[in-house]
Amino acid sequence: MDRRNFLGTAALAAGALALPRSLAAQPATADARARRVLEIARREVERAGDALWRRDIAGIADFGVHSSIPRFHFANLENGTVRSFLVTHGAGSDPEHDGWLNGFSNVVGSNATSRGPYVTWEWYKGQYGTSIRLGGLAPDNSNALDRAIVMHSADYATETHVEKWGRLGRSNGCFAMGPENFREALWHLSGGRLLYADQLGIGEDGETVAGPPQPPINPGGSDRADV
């Protein structure tokens, strides 16, 4: 079975399952941050074109804000809502481990986050349990498959971790979310939708956040995620 047919079958099977009550439709949001996120989502979905099979929801990862702030936005382009959650960046993008992403890399072994548009593919069982495979759609993230850059759940991507350490842990470049919140991605982002990552710097009130200086990062390093 080819990937497109596989995804169609998987989507039908997933749709037959009951969604958790907490994931029911939410009232439309109109705050400044939501408007900016929705604008970016519409723009990037249009740019991705035929690489996407579904255009109803897009994931926008804003690595221009600190990891202690919900910065992974699920932008529902059909009803104009935005739901925001915590998400990690790669250890290679944050060598000081201060919670700020200092730069991107597409190099194998860098353990860094890659910027740009991705297409979400199927669920699979991997090292971190059920995960979502990603395909890079631009030169800046073209090595996503070779680097095994995916979406997965992690205990170091939770509010509890932030309360203890003041920041999230770091991944090997993957988009890691807390186990409970990751269900949102499984239900609403897999199956041919857009995930877009960049240093957007959108504050909680829609203002532009000024991040830390951006020194060059070392493309080498170990392949160990840590807290």
Protein backbone atom coordinates (compact mmCIF):
# COMPACT_ATOMS: atom_id res chain seq x y z
CA MET A 1 0.00 0.00 0.00
CA ASP A 2 1.46 3.43 -0.89
CA ARG A 3 1.80 6.18 1.69
CA ARG A 4 -1.22 8.18 0.53
CA ASN A 5 -3.56 5.18 0.69
CA PHE A 6 -2.07 4.16 4.03
CA LEU A 7 -2.72 7.60 5.45
CA GLY A 8 -6.27 7.65 4.15
CA THR A 9 -7.01 4.32 5.80
CA ALA A 10 -5.37 5.42 9.04
CA ALA A 11 -7.33 8.65 9.06
CA LEU A 12 -10.63 6.81 8.64
CA ALA A 13 -9.75 4.46 11.46
CA ALA A 14 -8.77 7.33 13.73
CA GLY A 15 -11.95 9.22 12.92
CA ALA A 16 -14.01 6.26 14.04
CA LEU A 17 -12.61 6.51 17.55
CA ALA A 18 -14.23 8.76 20.12
CA LEU A 19 -12.35 11.99 20.78
CA PRO A 20 -11.65 12.98 24.37
CA ARG A 21 -14.10 15.54 25.73
CA SER A 22 -11.27 18.06 26.21
CA LEU A 23 -10.67 18.11 22.46
CA ALA A 24 -14.20 19.19 21.58
CA ALA A 25 -14.68 22.28 19.43
CA GLN A 26 -13.68 25.48 21.18
CA PRO A 27 -15.19 28.95 20.73
CA ALA A 28 -13.53 31.12 18.11
CA THR A 29 -10.50 33.05 19.31
CA ALA A 30 -9.86 36.63 18.26
CA ASP A 31 -6.92 37.71 20.39
CA ALA A 32 -3.85 39.26 18.79
CA ARG A 33 -1.62 36.18 19.12
CA ALA A 34 -4.25 33.94 17.56
CA ARG A 35 -4.71 36.31 14.64
CA ARG A 36 -0.96 36.33 13.94
CA VAL A 37 -0.71 32.54 14.21
CA LEU A 38 -3.67 32.01 11.89
CA GLU A 39 -2.22 34.43 9.35
CA ILE A 40 1.10 32.54 9.33
CA ALA A 41 -0.69 29.19 9.10
CA ARG A 42 -2.74 30.29 6.09
CA ARG A 43 0.33 31.67 4.36
CA GLU A 44 2.44 28.55 4.91
CA VAL A 45 -0.34 26.15 3.96
CA GLU A 46 -0.71 28.04 0.69
CA ARG A 47 3.04 27.91 0.09
CA ALA A 48 3.21 24.17 0.78
CA GLY A 49 0.64 23.54 -1.95
CA ASP A 50 0.21 19.97 -3.15
CA ALA A 51 2.71 18.62 -0.62
CA LEU A 52 -0.19 18.66 1.86
CA TRP A 53 -3.20 16.35 1.78
CA ARG A 54 -5.13 18.12 4.51
CA ARG A 55 -5.46 21.88 4.98
CA ASP A 56 -7.87 22.20 7.87
CA ILE A 57 -5.33 22.39 10.72
CA ALA A 58 -1.68 23.43 10.79
CA GLY A 59 0.90 23.24 13.56
CA ILE A 60 3.00 26.37 14.11
CA ALA A 61 6.09 25.97 16.31
CA ASP A 62 7.36 29.37 17.45
CA PHE A 63 10.95 28.94 18.64
CA GLY A 64 11.37 32.66 19.11
CA VAL A 65 9.93 32.44 22.63
CA HIS A 66 11.22 30.65 25.74
CA SER A 67 10.55 26.93 26.16
CA SER A 68 8.56 27.57 29.36
CA ILE A 69 5.85 29.29 27.29
CA PRO A 70 3.26 27.35 25.25
CA ARG A 71 4.64 27.91 21.76
CA PHE A 72 3.29 25.06 19.63
CA HIS A 73 0.06 26.37 18.15
CA PHE A 74 -2.63 24.23 16.56
CA ALA A 75 -4.25 26.64 14.11
CA ASN A 76 -7.68 25.50 12.98
CA LEU A 77 -8.20 27.27 9.66
CA GLU A 78 -11.82 26.16 9.38
CA ASN A 79 -13.16 27.66 12.60
CA GLY A 80 -10.48 30.23 13.40
CA THR A 81 -9.35 28.77 16.72
CA VAL A 82 -5.84 28.39 18.12
CA ARG A 83 -4.78 26.00 20.88
CA SER A 84 -1.28 26.33 22.31
CA PHE A 85 0.99 23.82 24.08
CA LEU A 86 4.55 23.37 25.29
CA VAL A 87 7.10 21.93 22.85
CA THR A 88 10.83 21.27 23.07
CA HIS A 89 13.71 22.29 20.86
CA GLY A 90 16.91 20.37 20.19
CA ALA A 91 19.92 20.25 22.50
CA GLY A 92 22.16 21.38 19.65
CA SER A 93 20.08 24.53 19.32
CA ASP A 94 20.46 25.37 23.01
CA PRO A 95 23.95 24.39 24.22
CA GLU A 96 23.62 26.61 27.31
CA HIS A 97 20.37 24.83 28.22
CA ASP A 98 18.73 28.09 29.23
CA GLY A 99 15.44 27.45 27.44
CA TRP A 100 16.15 29.69 24.43
CA LEU A 101 16.76 28.37 20.93
CA ASN A 102 19.97 29.95 19.66
CA GLY A 103 20.00 28.62 16.10
CA PHE A 104 18.87 25.96 13.65
CA SER A 105 20.69 23.17 11.85
CA ASN A 106 19.82 20.58 9.22
CA VAL A 107 23.06 18.63 9.75
CA VAL A 108 22.88 14.93 10.68
CA GLY A 109 24.21 14.50 14.21
CA SER A 110 23.66 18.14 15.21
CA ASN A 111 20.81 17.37 17.63
CA ALA A 112 19.46 20.77 16.62
CA THR A 113 16.02 21.91 15.58
CA SER A 114 15.48 22.54 11.86
CA ARG A 115 13.34 25.43 10.66
CA GLY A 116 10.83 25.45 7.85
CA PRO A 117 7.74 23.58 6.63
CA TYR A 118 7.18 19.89 7.26
CA VAL A 119 4.43 17.53 6.19
CA THR A 120 3.13 15.20 8.88
CA TRP A 121 2.90 11.55 7.93
CA GLU A 122 1.67 8.43 9.68
CA TRP A 123 1.78 7.26 13.27
CA TYR A 124 4.35 4.61 14.10
CA LYS A 125 5.76 2.90 17.19
CA GLY A 126 9.33 3.99 17.87
CA GLN A 127 11.85 4.61 20.61
CA TYR A 128 9.54 7.13 22.27
CA GLY A 129 6.30 5.20 21.79
CA THR A 130 3.67 6.31 19.31
CA SER A 131 5.19 9.07 17.19
CA ILE A 132 4.39 11.06 14.05
CA ARG A 133 6.80 10.80 11.15
CA LEU A 134 7.72 14.10 9.45
CA GLY A 135 8.98 15.02 6.02
CA GLY A 136 10.99 18.20 5.45
CA LEU A 137 9.75 20.35 2.57
CA ALA A 138 12.62 22.84 2.30
CA PRO A 139 16.42 22.87 2.08
CA ASP A 140 16.58 23.93 5.75
CA ASN A 141 14.91 20.69 6.92
CA SER A 142 15.52 18.29 4.04
CA ASN A 143 17.32 15.80 6.32
CA ALA A 144 14.34 15.27 8.61
CA LEU A 145 13.98 11.60 7.67
CA ASP A 146 17.70 10.86 7.83
CA ARG A 147 17.87 12.56 11.24
CA ALA A 148 14.70 10.79 12.47
CA ILE A 149 13.10 14.13 13.30
CA VAL A 150 9.56 13.32 14.44
CA MET A 151 6.86 14.37 16.87
CA HIS A 152 6.70 12.35 20.07
CA SER A 153 5.78 12.61 23.74
CA ALA A 154 8.27 13.12 26.57
CA ASP A 155 8.10 13.65 30.32
CA TYR A 156 10.64 16.49 30.00
CA ALA A 157 8.11 18.48 27.93
CA THR A 158 5.51 18.99 30.66
CA GLU A 159 4.34 21.83 32.90
CA THR A 160 5.69 19.85 35.85
CA HIS A 161 9.18 19.98 34.34
CA VAL A 162 8.85 23.74 33.85
CA GLU A 163 7.73 24.21 37.44
CA LYS A 164 10.82 22.35 38.66
CA TRP A 165 13.49 23.66 36.27
CA GLY A 166 12.07 26.86 34.78
CA ARG A 167 12.34 25.44 31.26
CA LEU A 168 11.68 22.29 29.28
CA GLY A 169 14.24 19.59 28.63
CA ARG A 170 15.85 19.28 25.20
CA SER A 171 15.24 16.73 22.48
CA ASN A 172 17.58 15.51 19.73
CA GLY A 173 15.85 17.95 17.39
CA CYS A 174 12.39 16.37 17.57
CA PHE A 175 9.18 18.18 18.44
CA ALA A 176 8.47 16.65 21.86
CA MET A 177 5.28 17.42 23.78
CA GLY A 178 3.96 16.29 27.14
CA PRO A 179 2.22 12.87 27.00
CA GLU A 180 -1.26 14.29 27.61
CA ASN A 181 -0.87 17.17 25.16
CA PHE A 182 0.67 14.95 22.49
CA ARG A 183 -2.75 13.36 22.00
CA GLU A 184 -3.74 16.65 20.38
CA ALA A 185 -1.10 16.10 17.71
CA LEU A 186 -2.08 12.47 17.16
CA TRP A 187 -5.71 13.38 16.62
CA HIS A 188 -5.40 16.70 14.84
CA LEU A 189 -2.05 17.02 13.07
CA SER A 190 -1.03 13.69 11.53
CA GLY A 191 -2.06 12.49 8.08
CA GLY A 192 -0.64 15.00 5.61
CA ARG A 193 -0.97 18.34 7.42
CA LEU A 194 1.51 21.19 7.78
CA LEU A 195 3.95 21.70 10.64
CA TYR A 196 5.85 24.97 10.32
CA ALA A 197 8.79 25.88 12.58
CA ASP A 198 10.63 29.19 12.84
CA GLN A 199 11.71 31.92 15.26
CA LEU A 200 8.51 33.93 15.00
CA GLY A 201 8.68 35.53 18.44
CA ILE A 202 4.95 35.98 18.99
CA GLY A 203 4.25 36.97 22.60
CA GLU A 204 1.18 36.01 24.61
CA ASP A 205 -0.47 39.36 23.79
CA GLY A 206 0.53 39.24 20.13
CA GLU A 207 3.61 41.42 20.62
CA THR A 208 6.97 40.56 19.10
CA VAL A 209 9.34 38.97 21.63
CA ALA A 210 13.02 39.85 21.46
CA GLY A 211 14.95 36.61 21.98
CA PRO A 212 18.58 36.15 23.00
CA PRO A 213 21.59 36.78 20.71
CA GLN A 214 22.02 34.14 18.03
CA PRO A 215 25.57 32.74 18.12
CA PRO A 216 26.54 30.03 15.58
CA ILE A 217 25.95 26.49 16.81
CA ASN A 218 28.22 23.48 16.68
CA PRO A 219 26.83 20.99 14.14
CA GLY A 220 28.43 18.10 16.04
CA GLY A 221 27.59 16.64 19.40
CA SER A 222 26.24 13.51 20.99
CA ASP A 223 22.90 11.99 20.11
CA ARG A 224 21.58 12.12 23.68
CA ALA A 225 18.48 13.98 24.74
CA ASP A 226 18.67 15.30 28.27
CA VAL A 227 16.73 17.25 30.87
